[in-house]
């Protein structure tokens, strides 16, 4: 029997697919969908921030610094490092995080 070489596609989604996903989530956020409000910062951090899912899941409120002099940033856990590293985020990502915090503060436990 011939040997089969295993191959894993680790390229991730194509850029245009991610852009369509972000646009769709933004339209749902504008419509007031609480799940889209939850998903918007997650998708933006995974895509734009190139964070891993464990890094996004491990974020806490203390890791978000919206009033930093260089712009909004988060303290992201990076692979293989014990200390969190500061990472600048876009204004859109910061706004998505603020939207999530507003929804969570109103008592809608969606996470």
Foldseek 3Di string as FASTA:
>chain_A
DDDDDDDDDPPDDDPVVLVVVLVVLVVVVVVPDLVSLVCNLVSQCVPVVVADNVQVVPFDPVQWDQPDPVGTWGFTDDPPDDGTHIDHGDPSSVVSVVSNVVVVVVPDPPD
